[in-house]
Amino acid sequence: MTKVFPNASFTIGDAISEKQPPQHKLLPAGEASEETILTVWKKSLLFNCNGFTVFDSKGDLVFRVDNYMDGNKGEILLMDASGNPLLTIRRKKMSLGDSWLVYEGESMEKPRLCVKKSVNILSKCLAYVSSGNNNSRNNIMYEIEGSYSQRNCAVFDDKRRLVAEIKRKEAVGGVAFGTDVFRLIVRPGYITTDSAMALLILLDQMFGSSRR
């Protein structure tokens, strides 16, 4: 199998003992640093679990999702390399359509984002992202377009600036990666990397093998 990440000596124990929680500071618009490129592996590091494992360009673990949708239905926890909770993603109750709320840490108060699947089959939009718990069209922060099954998606802000992308990972040494290994490209000045990862997870719930 083609190597997913360069640090082959990585172990979960190393991550727990050495990694510190990453900082996810949102810079003012126009002051973005260079884009962040993450490698996403649709696989949990834990045996017999579902989830995601995400590495930075150096091969270091930055995000984990383990065993999502098991045990507590409709709730997903995004963790850092040490297993500290960053965001809780929860299906919105009593709502029409497929809607989710994204909370800071494990708190269930004042959601950061509300993500709703587009139901317009004529629209190229996959999902709308709004702030807080208000998913009205007047409160939209981001729109997601493209095809998740093809791992080709773009996230635009309310000014139609490209803030994040999901792309296939290029072949290495003539061996191609499947759809379980792909890239998440983030412009940090316009969206935080953990928020972009939350949107990726929800696209998998809405359009990937995890949908129900």
C-alpha atoms as a PDB file:
ATOM      1  CA  MET A   1       0.000   0.000   0.000  1.00  0.00           C
ATOM      2  CA  THR A   2       1.208   3.513  -0.800  1.00  0.00           C
ATOM      3  CA  LYS A   3       2.317   5.327   2.330  1.00  0.00           C
ATOM      4  CA  VAL A   4      -0.412   7.745   3.472  1.00  0.00           C
ATOM      5  CA  PHE A   5       1.897   9.863   5.629  1.00  0.00           C
ATOM      6  CA  PRO A   6       5.698  10.180   5.858  1.00  0.00           C
ATOM      7  CA  ASN A   7       6.155   9.579   9.586  1.00  0.00           C
ATOM      8  CA  ALA A   8       5.934   5.797   9.524  1.00  0.00           C
ATOM      9  CA  SER A   9       7.213   5.553  13.102  1.00  0.00           C
ATOM     10  CA  PHE A  10       4.156   7.405  14.438  1.00  0.00           C
ATOM     11  CA  THR A  11       2.173   5.749  17.230  1.00  0.00           C
ATOM     12  CA  ILE A  12      -0.915   6.836  19.133  1.00  0.00           C
ATOM     13  CA  GLY A  13       1.084   6.778  22.339  1.00  0.00           C
ATOM     14  CA  ASP A  14       3.586   9.254  20.885  1.00  0.00           C
ATOM     15  CA  ALA A  15       0.774  11.616  19.963  1.00  0.00           C
ATOM     16  CA  ILE A  16      -0.798  11.509  23.400  1.00  0.00           C
ATOM     17  CA  SER A  17       2.482  12.156  25.208  1.00  0.00           C
ATOM     18  CA  GLU A  18       4.055  14.721  22.867  1.00  0.00           C
ATOM     19  CA  LYS A  19       1.417  16.650  20.913  1.00  0.00           C
ATOM     20  CA  GLN A  20      -0.076  19.887  22.138  1.00  0.00           C
ATOM     21  CA  PRO A  21      -3.525  21.084  21.057  1.00  0.00           C
ATOM     22  CA  PRO A  22      -3.183  23.054  17.797  1.00  0.00           C
ATOM     23  CA  GLN A  23      -4.159  26.708  17.703  1.00  0.00           C
ATOM     24  CA  HIS A  24      -6.974  27.618  15.310  1.00  0.00           C
ATOM     25  CA  LYS A  25      -6.804  31.388  15.143  1.00  0.00           C
ATOM     26  CA  LEU A  26      -8.876  33.105  12.478  1.00  0.00           C
ATOM     27  CA  LEU A  27      -6.946  35.985  10.963  1.00  0.00           C
ATOM     28  CA  PRO A  28      -8.649  39.162   9.721  1.00  0.00           C
ATOM     29  CA  ALA A  29      -9.737  38.951   6.093  1.00  0.00           C
ATOM     30  CA  GLY A  30      -6.857  39.786   3.785  1.00  0.00           C
ATOM     31  CA  GLU A  31      -4.184  38.719   6.308  1.00  0.00           C
ATOM     32  CA  ALA A  32      -4.197  35.017   5.552  1.00  0.00           C
ATOM     33  CA  SER A  33      -0.976  33.075   5.823  1.00  0.00           C
ATOM     34  CA  GLU A  34      -0.173  30.563   3.091  1.00  0.00           C
ATOM     35  CA  GLU A  35      -2.686  27.778   2.589  1.00  0.00           C
ATOM     36  CA  THR A  36      -2.669  24.735   4.844  1.00  0.00           C
ATOM     37  CA  ILE A  37      -2.637  21.364   3.076  1.00  0.00           C
ATOM     38  CA  LEU A  38      -3.806  18.374   5.095  1.00  0.00           C
ATOM     39  CA  THR A  39      -3.896  14.703   4.159  1.00  0.00           C
ATOM     40  CA  VAL A  40      -7.168  13.082   5.184  1.00  0.00           C
ATOM     41  CA  TRP A  41      -7.376   9.331   5.648  1.00  0.00           C
ATOM     42  CA  LYS A  42     -10.900   7.998   6.040  1.00  0.00           C
ATOM     43  CA  LYS A  43      -9.831   5.509   8.673  1.00  0.00           C
ATOM     44  CA  SER A  44      -9.539   5.507  12.450  1.00  0.00           C
ATOM     45  CA  LEU A  45      -6.195   4.778  14.103  1.00  0.00           C
ATOM     46  CA  LEU A  46      -8.078   2.596  16.580  1.00  0.00           C
ATOM     47  CA  PHE A  47      -8.711  -1.017  15.678  1.00  0.00           C
ATOM     48  CA  ASN A  48     -12.225  -1.844  14.491  1.00  0.00           C
ATOM     49  CA  CYS A  49     -13.397   1.780  14.610  1.00  0.00           C
ATOM     50  CA  ASN A  50     -14.721   4.157  11.986  1.00  0.00           C
ATOM     51  CA  GLY A  51     -13.477   7.707  11.625  1.00  0.00           C
ATOM     52  CA  PHE A  52     -10.858   9.995  10.113  1.00  0.00           C
ATOM     53  CA  THR A  53      -7.124  10.470  10.632  1.00  0.00           C
ATOM     54  CA  VAL A  54      -5.648  13.768   9.421  1.00  0.00           C
ATOM     55  CA  PHE A  55      -1.972  14.682   8.958  1.00  0.00           C
ATOM     56  CA  ASP A  56      -0.210  17.942   8.141  1.00  0.00           C
ATOM     57  CA  SER A  57       2.386  18.414   5.389  1.00  0.00           C
ATOM     58  CA  LYS A  58       5.135  17.098   7.706  1.00  0.00           C
ATOM     59  CA  GLY A  59       3.259  13.879   8.398  1.00  0.00           C
ATOM     60  CA  ASP A  60       2.290  14.830  11.944  1.00  0.00           C
ATOM     61  CA  LEU A  61      -1.154  13.929  13.241  1.00  0.00           C
ATOM     62  CA  VAL A  62      -3.388  16.982  13.709  1.00  0.00           C
ATOM     63  CA  PHE A  63      -6.993  15.704  13.855  1.00  0.00           C
ATOM     64  CA  ARG A  64      -8.769  12.482  14.797  1.00  0.00           C
ATOM     65  CA  VAL A  65     -12.313  11.223  14.577  1.00  0.00           C
ATOM     66  CA  ASP A  66     -12.824   7.802  16.136  1.00  0.00           C
ATOM     67  CA  ASN A  67     -15.931   5.648  16.182  1.00  0.00           C
ATOM     68  CA  TYR A  68     -18.275   8.434  15.055  1.00  0.00           C
ATOM     69  CA  MET A  69     -21.990   7.656  14.931  1.00  0.00           C
ATOM     70  CA  ASP A  70     -21.479   4.665  17.235  1.00  0.00           C
ATOM     71  CA  GLY A  71     -22.933   4.664  20.732  1.00  0.00           C
ATOM     72  CA  ASN A  72     -24.311   8.221  20.646  1.00  0.00           C
ATOM     73  CA  LYS A  73     -26.370   8.457  17.467  1.00  0.00           C
ATOM     74  CA  GLY A  74     -26.227  11.720  15.590  1.00  0.00           C
ATOM     75  CA  GLU A  75     -23.101  13.057  17.339  1.00  0.00           C
ATOM     76  CA  ILE A  76     -19.498  13.234  16.122  1.00  0.00           C
ATOM     77  CA  LEU A  77     -16.453  14.441  18.059  1.00  0.00           C
ATOM     78  CA  LEU A  78     -13.491  16.066  16.301  1.00  0.00           C
ATOM     79  CA  MET A  79     -10.323  15.703  18.393  1.00  0.00           C
ATOM     80  CA  ASP A  80      -6.767  16.970  18.215  1.00  0.00           C
ATOM     81  CA  ALA A  81      -3.745  14.637  18.086  1.00  0.00           C
ATOM     82  CA  SER A  82      -3.865  14.076  21.854  1.00  0.00           C
ATOM     83  CA  GLY A  83      -7.535  13.165  21.872  1.00  0.00           C
ATOM     84  CA  ASN A  84      -8.697  16.502  23.284  1.00  0.00           C
ATOM     85  CA  PRO A  85     -12.164  17.493  22.026  1.00  0.00           C
ATOM     86  CA  LEU A  86     -12.137  20.423  19.599  1.00  0.00           C
ATOM     87  CA  LEU A  87     -15.644  20.390  18.147  1.00  0.00           C
ATOM     88  CA  THR A  88     -18.828  18.432  18.730  1.00  0.00           C
ATOM     89  CA  ILE A  89     -20.980  17.930  15.633  1.00  0.00           C
ATOM     90  CA  ARG A  90     -24.585  17.097  16.403  1.00  0.00           C
ATOM     91  CA  ARG A  91     -27.596  16.493  14.182  1.00  0.00           C
ATOM     92  CA  LYS A  92     -30.159  19.252  14.636  1.00  0.00           C
ATOM     93  CA  LYS A  93     -33.376  17.924  16.134  1.00  0.00           C
ATOM     94  CA  MET A  94     -36.850  18.868  14.989  1.00  0.00           C
ATOM     95  CA  SER A  95     -35.648  20.400  11.726  1.00  0.00           C
ATOM     96  CA  LEU A  96     -36.697  19.903   8.136  1.00  0.00           C
ATOM     97  CA  GLY A  97     -34.015  18.345   5.974  1.00  0.00           C
ATOM     98  CA  ASP A  98     -30.515  17.268   6.944  1.00  0.00           C
ATOM     99  CA  SER A  99     -29.183  19.922   9.371  1.00  0.00           C
ATOM    100  CA  TRP A 100     -26.285  19.833  11.847  1.00  0.00           C
ATOM    101  CA  LEU A 101     -24.874  22.091  14.552  1.00  0.00           C
ATOM    102  CA  VAL A 102     -21.155  22.484  15.339  1.00  0.00           C
ATOM    103  CA  TYR A 103     -20.228  23.331  18.955  1.00  0.00           C
ATOM    104  CA  GLU A 104     -16.964  24.320  20.613  1.00  0.00           C
ATOM    105  CA  GLY A 105     -15.388  21.444  22.533  1.00  0.00           C
ATOM    106  CA  GLU A 106     -18.024  19.285  24.179  1.00  0.00           C
ATOM    107  CA  SER A 107     -20.278  22.209  25.034  1.00  0.00           C
ATOM    108  CA  MET A 108     -23.861  22.177  23.819  1.00  0.00           C
ATOM    109  CA  GLU A 109     -24.292  25.943  24.144  1.00  0.00           C
ATOM    110  CA  LYS A 110     -24.095  28.614  21.436  1.00  0.00           C
ATOM    111  CA  PRO A 111     -23.175  26.595  18.350  1.00  0.00           C
ATOM    112  CA  ARG A 112     -20.400  27.947  16.167  1.00  0.00           C
ATOM    113  CA  LEU A 113     -21.951  26.792  12.880  1.00  0.00           C
ATOM    114  CA  CYS A 114     -25.164  25.433  11.434  1.00  0.00           C
ATOM    115  CA  VAL A 115     -24.779  23.285   8.304  1.00  0.00           C
ATOM    116  CA  LYS A 116     -27.753  22.357   6.135  1.00  0.00           C
ATOM    117  CA  LYS A 117     -27.821  20.063   3.128  1.00  0.00           C
ATOM    118  CA  SER A 118     -29.150  21.699  -0.029  1.00  0.00           C
ATOM    119  CA  VAL A 119     -32.413  20.175  -1.246  1.00  0.00           C
ATOM    120  CA  ASN A 120     -32.456  21.985  -4.595  1.00  0.00           C
ATOM    121  CA  ILE A 121     -31.503  19.348  -7.166  1.00  0.00           C
ATOM    122  CA  LEU A 122     -31.017  22.066  -9.793  1.00  0.00           C
ATOM    123  CA  SER A 123     -28.438  23.904  -7.685  1.00  0.00           C
ATOM    124  CA  LYS A 124     -24.726  23.100  -7.732  1.00  0.00           C
ATOM    125  CA  CYS A 125     -24.623  23.878  -3.997  1.00  0.00           C
ATOM    126  CA  LEU A 126     -24.201  20.838  -1.740  1.00  0.00           C
ATOM    127  CA  ALA A 127     -24.693  22.548   1.622  1.00  0.00           C
ATOM    128  CA  TYR A 128     -25.134  25.956   3.240  1.00  0.00           C
ATOM    129  CA  VAL A 129     -23.176  27.006   6.319  1.00  0.00           C
ATOM    130  CA  SER A 130     -24.437  29.736   8.637  1.00  0.00           C
ATOM    131  CA  SER A 131     -23.269  31.110  11.969  1.00  0.00           C
ATOM    132  CA  GLY A 132     -24.844  30.019  15.229  1.00  0.00           C
ATOM    133  CA  ASN A 133     -28.208  28.302  15.124  1.00  0.00           C
ATOM    134  CA  ASN A 134     -29.687  30.481  12.380  1.00  0.00           C
ATOM    135  CA  ASN A 135     -29.753  28.770   8.993  1.00  0.00           C
ATOM    136  CA  SER A 136     -31.678  31.483   7.156  1.00  0.00           C
ATOM    137  CA  ARG A 137     -30.453  32.486   3.703  1.00  0.00           C
ATOM    138  CA  ASN A 138     -29.589  35.942   5.078  1.00  0.00           C
ATOM    139  CA  ASN A 139     -27.126  34.432   7.550  1.00  0.00           C
ATOM    140  CA  ILE A 140     -25.060  32.256   5.201  1.00  0.00           C
ATOM    141  CA  MET A 141     -21.287  32.337   5.823  1.00  0.00           C
ATOM    142  CA  TYR A 142     -20.183  29.656   3.352  1.00  0.00           C
ATOM    143  CA  GLU A 143     -21.549  27.590   0.473  1.00  0.00           C
ATOM    144  CA  ILE A 144     -20.105  24.214  -0.515  1.00  0.00           C
ATOM    145  CA  GLU A 145     -20.124  23.151  -4.165  1.00  0.00           C
ATOM    146  CA  GLY A 146     -18.811  20.214  -6.171  1.00  0.00           C
ATOM    147  CA  SER A 147     -18.894  16.442  -5.770  1.00  0.00           C
ATOM    148  CA  TYR A 148     -17.894  14.781  -2.511  1.00  0.00           C
ATOM    149  CA  SER A 149     -17.980  11.286  -4.027  1.00  0.00           C
ATOM    150  CA  GLN A 150     -15.323  12.461  -6.503  1.00  0.00           C
ATOM    151  CA  ARG A 151     -13.423  14.260  -3.718  1.00  0.00           C
ATOM    152  CA  ASN A 152     -13.723  17.534  -5.613  1.00  0.00           C
ATOM    153  CA  CYS A 153     -15.404  20.216  -3.477  1.00  0.00           C
ATOM    154  CA  ALA A 154     -14.960  23.952  -2.985  1.00  0.00           C
ATOM    155  CA  VAL A 155     -16.028  26.116  -0.034  1.00  0.00           C
ATOM    156  CA  PHE A 156     -16.836  29.760  -0.819  1.00  0.00           C
ATOM    157  CA  ASP A 157     -17.495  32.553   1.656  1.00  0.00           C
ATOM    158  CA  ASP A 158     -20.262  35.145   1.345  1.00  0.00           C
ATOM    159  CA  LYS A 159     -18.072  37.180  -1.053  1.00  0.00           C
ATOM    160  CA  ARG A 160     -17.457  34.132  -3.290  1.00  0.00           C
ATOM    161  CA  ARG A 161     -13.854  33.827  -2.173  1.00  0.00           C
ATOM    162  CA  LEU A 162     -12.478  30.293  -2.252  1.00  0.00           C
ATOM    163  CA  VAL A 163     -11.650  29.444   1.389  1.00  0.00           C
ATOM    164  CA  ALA A 164     -11.214  25.657   1.347  1.00  0.00           C
ATOM    165  CA  GLU A 165     -11.072  22.736  -1.078  1.00  0.00           C
ATOM    166  CA  ILE A 166     -11.294  18.962  -1.034  1.00  0.00           C
ATOM    167  CA  LYS A 167      -9.187  17.319  -3.746  1.00  0.00           C
ATOM    168  CA  ARG A 168      -7.949  13.878  -4.733  1.00  0.00           C
ATOM    169  CA  LYS A 169      -4.417  13.107  -3.570  1.00  0.00           C
ATOM    170  CA  GLU A 170      -1.922  12.717  -6.377  1.00  0.00           C
ATOM    171  CA  ALA A 171      -0.444   9.329  -7.133  1.00  0.00           C
ATOM    172  CA  VAL A 172       2.960   8.590  -5.619  1.00  0.00           C
ATOM    173  CA  GLY A 173       5.476   6.401  -7.426  1.00  0.00           C
ATOM    174  CA  GLY A 174       2.888   5.383 -10.000  1.00  0.00           C
ATOM    175  CA  VAL A 175       0.497   4.034  -7.337  1.00  0.00           C
ATOM    176  CA  ALA A 176      -2.799   5.902  -7.085  1.00  0.00           C
ATOM    177  CA  PHE A 177      -4.648   6.600  -3.854  1.00  0.00           C
ATOM    178  CA  GLY A 178      -8.298   5.618  -3.602  1.00  0.00           C
ATOM    179  CA  THR A 179     -11.076   7.898  -2.413  1.00  0.00           C
ATOM    180  CA  ASP A 180     -10.269   7.074   1.223  1.00  0.00           C
ATOM    181  CA  VAL A 181      -7.101   9.216   1.053  1.00  0.00           C
ATOM    182  CA  PHE A 182      -7.462  12.796  -0.129  1.00  0.00           C
ATOM    183  CA  ARG A 183      -6.466  16.394   0.587  1.00  0.00           C
ATOM    184  CA  LEU A 184      -8.097  19.230   2.509  1.00  0.00           C
ATOM    185  CA  ILE A 185      -6.714  22.637   1.505  1.00  0.00           C
ATOM    186  CA  VAL A 186      -7.542  25.556   3.808  1.00  0.00           C
ATOM    187  CA  ARG A 187      -6.969  29.322   3.595  1.00  0.00           C
ATOM    188  CA  PRO A 188      -6.578  30.050   7.332  1.00  0.00           C
ATOM    189  CA  GLY A 189      -7.427  33.762   7.106  1.00  0.00           C
ATOM    190  CA  TYR A 190     -10.964  33.002   5.964  1.00  0.00           C
ATOM    191  CA  ILE A 191     -11.884  29.787   7.765  1.00  0.00           C
ATOM    192  CA  THR A 192     -10.270  27.873  10.634  1.00  0.00           C
ATOM    193  CA  THR A 193      -8.826  24.451   9.914  1.00  0.00           C
ATOM    194  CA  ASP A 194     -11.041  22.756  12.498  1.00  0.00           C
ATOM    195  CA  SER A 195     -14.173  24.346  10.966  1.00  0.00           C
ATOM    196  CA  ALA A 196     -13.075  23.191   7.509  1.00  0.00           C
ATOM    197  CA  MET A 197     -12.577  19.687   8.889  1.00  0.00           C
ATOM    198  CA  ALA A 198     -16.062  19.790  10.430  1.00  0.00           C
ATOM    199  CA  LEU A 199     -17.519  20.653   7.017  1.00  0.00           C
ATOM    200  CA  LEU A 200     -15.643  17.720   5.465  1.00  0.00           C
ATOM    201  CA  ILE A 201     -17.027  15.349   8.093  1.00  0.00           C
ATOM    202  CA  LEU A 202     -20.555  16.580   7.405  1.00  0.00           C
ATOM    203  CA  LEU A 203     -20.146  16.172   3.654  1.00  0.00           C
ATOM    204  CA  ASP A 204     -19.260  12.551   4.372  1.00  0.00           C
ATOM    205  CA  GLN A 205     -22.416  12.222   6.451  1.00  0.00           C
ATOM    206  CA  MET A 206     -24.588  13.816   3.763  1.00  0.00           C
ATOM    207  CA  PHE A 207     -23.043  12.414   0.583  1.00  0.00           C
ATOM    208  CA  GLY A 208     -20.518   9.723   1.485  1.00  0.00           C
ATOM    209  CA  SER A 209     -20.613   6.146   2.674  1.00  0.00           C
ATOM    210  CA  SER A 210     -21.612   7.338   6.171  1.00  0.00           C
ATOM    211  CA  ARG A 211     -24.981   8.756   5.083  1.00  0.00           C
ATOM    212  CA  ARG A 212     -28.073   6.984   6.375  1.00  0.00           C
END
